[in-house]
Amino acid sequence: MIVIPALDLKEGRCVRLSQGRMDQETVYSENPVQMARHWEAKGAERLHVVDLNGAVSGRPFHHSLIEEITKAISIPVEVGGGIRDLETIENYLSLGVRWVILGTAAFQNRWLVEEACRRFPEKVILAIDAKGAKVAIRGWKEVTVLEAIDLARQFEGMGLSAIIFTDVERDGMRTGLNVKDTKALAHATSIPIIASGGVSRIEEIEDLMKLEVDGVIGVIVGRALYTGSLDLKEAIRLTKKRKMGR
């Protein structure tokens, strides 16, 4: 299992939101590039970058900053937020971004996901953000009637690299991962799952590791890393130790 630090961008700064609310932010750095380097130095093997302004507006807002981040570090980067067409996908991948994340676009335009997976195999990640098990879109501002599991099943066999599953109500709240729904989603699809939302303690990483056999391959951690309630090096050591069987 891989532990992935989150780098959320809002108006050029590194922030964390509470339950996805744009008006409830905590600024953790005025220099996101420096923060990306910090997580790489701590041993991160992958970085999760979200263009929050882009997610709300429906088009990239931090394009230049994301390019700078990607070029500043050697670890792979996954990017989401405001990616709604093939041109944007191709553009990000040309910058060196390893994976693009589709959320709202996937809900609204199945063809886009199909075509993106065809053109860029294993480069597309589906983001399923859920609120009360229902899919949330448009930067989590709109909750649909579609169940998260039903959405995941629609993209089975399409060639997605993974699904990022986030419990919106837990995100940024440090109330613990929604292990139950994460496990249910992993059982419902053969697509690898990356858990997200609410991680606060090392024990939760240990519990989540039990779901590796179900197809959960990683976990995204945000606020807990920035506040220090979870140490990235310690979390990575835990996952490596279990992998090596010691």
Protein backbone atom coordinates (compact mmCIF):
# COMPACT_ATOMS: atom_id res chain seq x y z
CA MET A 1 0.00 0.00 0.00
CA ILE A 2 1.22 3.48 -0.84
CA VAL A 3 0.72 6.57 1.35
CA ILE A 4 0.09 9.63 -0.83
CA PRO A 5 0.39 13.18 0.54
CA ALA A 6 -2.25 15.61 -0.71
CA LEU A 7 -1.39 19.05 -2.03
CA ASP A 8 -4.55 21.11 -2.48
CA LEU A 9 -4.16 24.38 -4.35
CA LYS A 10 -6.36 27.42 -3.81
CA GLU A 11 -5.41 30.82 -5.18
CA GLY A 12 -1.76 29.85 -5.38
CA ARG A 13 -1.46 28.52 -1.85
CA CYS A 14 -1.39 25.10 -0.25
CA VAL A 15 -4.56 24.68 1.80
CA ARG A 16 -6.84 22.12 3.37
CA LEU A 17 -10.61 22.46 3.34
CA SER A 18 -13.14 21.12 5.81
CA GLN A 19 -15.68 18.85 4.07
CA GLY A 20 -14.75 20.46 0.76
CA ARG A 21 -16.07 23.90 1.73
CA MET A 22 -14.18 26.58 -0.15
CA ASP A 23 -14.95 29.14 2.57
CA GLN A 24 -13.46 26.94 5.31
CA GLU A 25 -9.81 26.71 4.47
CA THR A 26 -6.62 26.45 6.47
CA VAL A 27 -3.52 27.73 4.71
CA TYR A 28 -0.47 25.53 5.33
CA SER A 29 1.97 27.03 2.86
CA GLU A 30 2.32 30.04 0.63
CA ASN A 31 4.79 28.02 -1.46
CA PRO A 32 3.27 24.79 -2.83
CA VAL A 33 6.42 23.94 -4.79
CA GLN A 34 8.44 23.99 -1.60
CA MET A 35 5.79 21.84 0.08
CA ALA A 36 5.94 19.30 -2.74
CA ARG A 37 9.70 19.06 -2.28
CA HIS A 38 9.16 18.65 1.46
CA TRP A 39 6.94 15.59 1.01
CA GLU A 40 9.36 14.10 -1.49
CA ALA A 41 12.18 14.56 1.01
CA LYS A 42 10.08 12.80 3.64
CA GLY A 43 9.93 9.73 1.41
CA ALA A 44 6.69 10.20 -0.50
CA GLU A 45 6.53 8.00 -3.58
CA ARG A 46 3.66 9.87 -5.20
CA LEU A 47 1.92 13.23 -4.83
CA HIS A 48 -1.81 13.98 -5.07
CA VAL A 49 -2.43 17.51 -6.40
CA VAL A 50 -5.88 19.10 -6.61
CA ASP A 51 -6.72 22.37 -8.32
CA LEU A 52 -9.56 23.45 -6.03
CA ASN A 53 -10.36 26.60 -7.99
CA GLY A 54 -10.38 24.51 -11.14
CA ALA A 55 -12.77 21.98 -9.60
CA VAL A 56 -15.29 24.74 -8.89
CA SER A 57 -14.87 26.69 -12.14
CA GLY A 58 -14.67 23.64 -14.40
CA ARG A 59 -11.38 24.62 -16.03
CA PRO A 60 -7.71 24.62 -14.92
CA PHE A 61 -6.76 27.50 -12.67
CA HIS A 62 -3.31 26.46 -11.43
CA HIS A 63 -1.90 25.11 -14.69
CA SER A 64 1.43 26.96 -14.47
CA LEU A 65 1.87 26.15 -10.79
CA ILE A 66 1.17 22.47 -11.38
CA GLU A 67 3.74 22.46 -14.16
CA GLU A 68 6.25 24.01 -11.77
CA ILE A 69 5.49 21.41 -9.09
CA THR A 70 5.81 18.53 -11.55
CA LYS A 71 9.18 19.74 -12.77
CA ALA A 72 10.47 20.43 -9.24
CA ILE A 73 10.17 16.84 -7.98
CA SER A 74 11.09 13.42 -9.30
CA ILE A 75 8.20 11.41 -7.85
CA PRO A 76 5.07 10.88 -9.98
CA VAL A 77 2.19 13.33 -9.69
CA GLU A 78 -1.54 12.79 -10.07
CA VAL A 79 -3.67 15.85 -10.78
CA GLY A 80 -7.38 16.56 -10.47
CA GLY A 81 -9.68 19.55 -10.50
CA GLY A 82 -11.24 21.22 -13.53
CA ILE A 83 -10.26 18.51 -16.02
CA ARG A 84 -13.28 18.27 -18.32
CA ASP A 85 -11.92 17.59 -21.83
CA LEU A 86 -9.31 15.63 -23.78
CA GLU A 87 -7.25 18.72 -24.54
CA THR A 88 -6.72 19.41 -20.85
CA ILE A 89 -5.86 15.76 -20.21
CA GLU A 90 -3.30 15.71 -23.00
CA ASN A 91 -1.88 19.02 -21.87
CA TYR A 92 -1.31 17.87 -18.30
CA LEU A 93 0.25 14.59 -19.41
CA SER A 94 2.59 16.49 -21.74
CA LEU A 95 3.81 18.47 -18.73
CA GLY A 96 4.95 15.26 -17.05
CA VAL A 97 1.90 14.60 -14.90
CA ARG A 98 1.65 10.82 -14.52
CA TRP A 99 -2.12 10.51 -13.97
CA VAL A 100 -5.12 12.77 -14.53
CA ILE A 101 -8.13 12.49 -12.26
CA LEU A 102 -11.66 12.75 -13.62
CA GLY A 103 -14.58 13.31 -11.27
CA THR A 104 -17.38 15.59 -12.42
CA ALA A 105 -16.43 14.94 -16.03
CA ALA A 106 -16.84 11.20 -15.54
CA PHE A 107 -20.33 11.64 -14.15
CA GLN A 108 -21.42 13.94 -16.96
CA ASN A 109 -19.57 12.46 -19.92
CA ARG A 110 -18.90 8.73 -20.06
CA TRP A 111 -17.47 9.09 -23.57
CA LEU A 112 -14.70 11.33 -22.25
CA VAL A 113 -13.52 8.63 -19.85
CA GLU A 114 -13.70 5.94 -22.52
CA GLU A 115 -11.75 8.00 -25.02
CA ALA A 116 -9.20 9.16 -22.46
CA CYS A 117 -8.56 5.56 -21.38
CA ARG A 118 -8.23 4.52 -25.03
CA ARG A 119 -5.75 7.28 -25.86
CA PHE A 120 -3.88 7.24 -22.56
CA PRO A 121 -3.99 3.72 -21.07
CA GLU A 122 -3.40 3.52 -17.31
CA LYS A 123 -3.10 7.32 -17.12
CA VAL A 124 -6.67 8.03 -16.01
CA ILE A 125 -7.98 7.85 -12.45
CA LEU A 126 -11.66 8.08 -11.60
CA ALA A 127 -12.50 10.19 -8.53
CA ILE A 128 -15.65 9.15 -6.74
CA ASP A 129 -16.55 11.64 -4.05
CA ALA A 130 -19.45 10.50 -1.92
CA LYS A 131 -21.74 12.13 0.57
CA GLY A 132 -24.03 9.67 2.33
CA ALA A 133 -23.01 7.05 -0.31
CA LYS A 134 -24.24 9.36 -3.10
CA VAL A 135 -21.88 10.80 -5.71
CA ALA A 136 -20.93 14.47 -5.19
CA ILE A 137 -19.74 16.59 -8.13
CA ARG A 138 -18.73 20.16 -9.06
CA GLY A 139 -16.21 20.53 -6.27
CA TRP A 140 -18.62 18.67 -3.95
CA LYS A 141 -21.23 21.40 -4.28
CA GLU A 142 -23.84 19.13 -5.89
CA VAL A 143 -24.94 15.72 -4.58
CA THR A 144 -26.47 13.41 -7.17
CA VAL A 145 -28.89 10.50 -6.76
CA LEU A 146 -26.35 8.00 -8.07
CA GLU A 147 -24.75 5.53 -5.68
CA ALA A 148 -20.94 5.49 -5.62
CA ILE A 149 -20.84 1.74 -6.26
CA ASP A 150 -23.14 2.05 -9.27
CA LEU A 151 -20.90 4.72 -10.80
CA ALA A 152 -17.80 2.57 -10.30
CA ARG A 153 -19.43 -0.39 -12.03
CA GLN A 154 -20.12 1.72 -15.11
CA PHE A 155 -16.38 2.00 -15.75
CA GLU A 156 -15.43 -1.62 -15.17
CA GLY A 157 -13.02 -2.96 -17.80
CA MET A 158 -12.34 0.47 -19.30
CA GLY A 159 -8.66 0.58 -18.40
CA LEU A 160 -8.69 3.01 -15.49
CA SER A 161 -5.53 3.11 -13.39
CA ALA A 162 -7.51 3.41 -10.14
CA ILE A 163 -10.50 4.88 -8.36
CA ILE A 164 -9.99 7.44 -5.62
CA PHE A 165 -12.86 7.10 -3.15
CA THR A 166 -13.43 10.07 -0.83
CA ASP A 167 -16.03 10.41 1.89
CA VAL A 168 -16.74 14.14 1.59
CA GLU A 169 -18.18 14.45 5.09
CA ARG A 170 -14.96 13.11 6.60
CA ASP A 171 -12.48 14.92 4.38
CA GLY A 172 -10.36 17.38 6.33
CA MET A 173 -12.16 16.51 9.57
CA ARG A 174 -9.72 13.91 10.95
CA THR A 175 -12.64 11.72 11.99
CA GLY A 176 -11.23 8.54 10.51
CA LEU A 177 -11.57 6.82 7.15
CA ASN A 178 -14.86 5.37 5.99
CA VAL A 179 -13.46 1.86 5.94
CA LYS A 180 -16.86 0.21 5.57
CA ASP A 181 -17.80 1.97 2.32
CA THR A 182 -14.24 1.73 1.01
CA LYS A 183 -14.32 -2.03 1.47
CA ALA A 184 -17.77 -2.28 -0.14
CA LEU A 185 -16.55 -0.36 -3.18
CA ALA A 186 -13.44 -2.51 -3.48
CA HIS A 187 -15.61 -5.63 -3.44
CA ALA A 188 -17.90 -4.18 -6.11
CA THR A 189 -15.21 -3.60 -8.73
CA SER A 190 -11.93 -5.02 -9.95
CA ILE A 191 -10.50 -1.52 -10.39
CA PRO A 192 -7.83 -0.72 -7.77
CA ILE A 193 -9.05 1.60 -5.00
CA ILE A 194 -7.24 4.51 -3.34
CA ALA A 195 -8.90 5.55 -0.08
CA SER A 196 -9.25 9.17 0.98
CA GLY A 197 -10.96 11.38 3.53
CA GLY A 198 -10.54 11.66 7.28
CA VAL A 199 -7.26 9.89 8.02
CA SER A 200 -5.93 11.06 11.37
CA ARG A 201 -3.79 8.33 12.97
CA ILE A 202 -1.23 5.69 12.05
CA GLU A 203 -3.61 3.00 13.35
CA GLU A 204 -6.03 3.82 10.55
CA ILE A 205 -3.33 3.15 7.98
CA GLU A 206 -2.71 -0.20 9.65
CA ASP A 207 -6.42 -1.04 9.55
CA LEU A 208 -6.68 -0.02 5.91
CA MET A 209 -3.79 -2.29 5.01
CA LYS A 210 -6.07 -5.23 5.80
CA LEU A 211 -8.06 -4.24 2.69
CA GLU A 212 -5.12 -4.72 0.34
CA VAL A 213 -6.43 -8.20 -0.41
CA ASP A 214 -9.69 -6.53 -1.51
CA GLY A 215 -7.93 -4.26 -3.99
CA VAL A 216 -7.20 -1.16 -1.91
CA ILE A 217 -3.75 -0.08 -3.10
CA GLY A 218 -3.23 3.29 -1.45
CA VAL A 219 -4.43 6.07 0.82
CA ILE A 220 -4.36 9.84 0.37
CA VAL A 221 -3.57 11.83 3.49
CA GLY A 222 -3.94 15.57 3.89
CA ARG A 223 -4.62 17.53 7.06
CA ALA A 224 -3.18 14.87 9.39
CA LEU A 225 0.23 15.25 7.73
CA TYR A 226 0.13 19.04 7.88
CA THR A 227 -0.85 19.15 11.56
CA GLY A 228 1.61 16.43 12.52
CA SER A 229 -0.94 13.97 13.92
CA LEU A 230 0.37 11.50 11.34
CA ASP A 231 4.04 11.20 10.45
CA LEU A 232 4.64 10.38 6.78
CA LYS A 233 7.93 8.57 7.38
CA GLU A 234 6.34 6.40 10.06
CA ALA A 235 3.36 5.58 7.84
CA ILE A 236 5.62 4.63 4.94
CA ARG A 237 7.78 2.47 7.22
CA LEU A 238 4.65 0.66 8.38
CA THR A 239 3.51 -0.15 4.85
CA LYS A 240 6.99 -1.25 3.79
CA LYS A 241 7.44 -3.41 6.87
CA ARG A 242 4.17 -5.23 6.23
CA LYS A 243 5.05 -5.66 2.56
CA MET A 244 8.38 -7.22 3.42
CA GLY A 245 6.70 -9.51 5.93
CA ARG A 246 8.58 -8.34 8.99
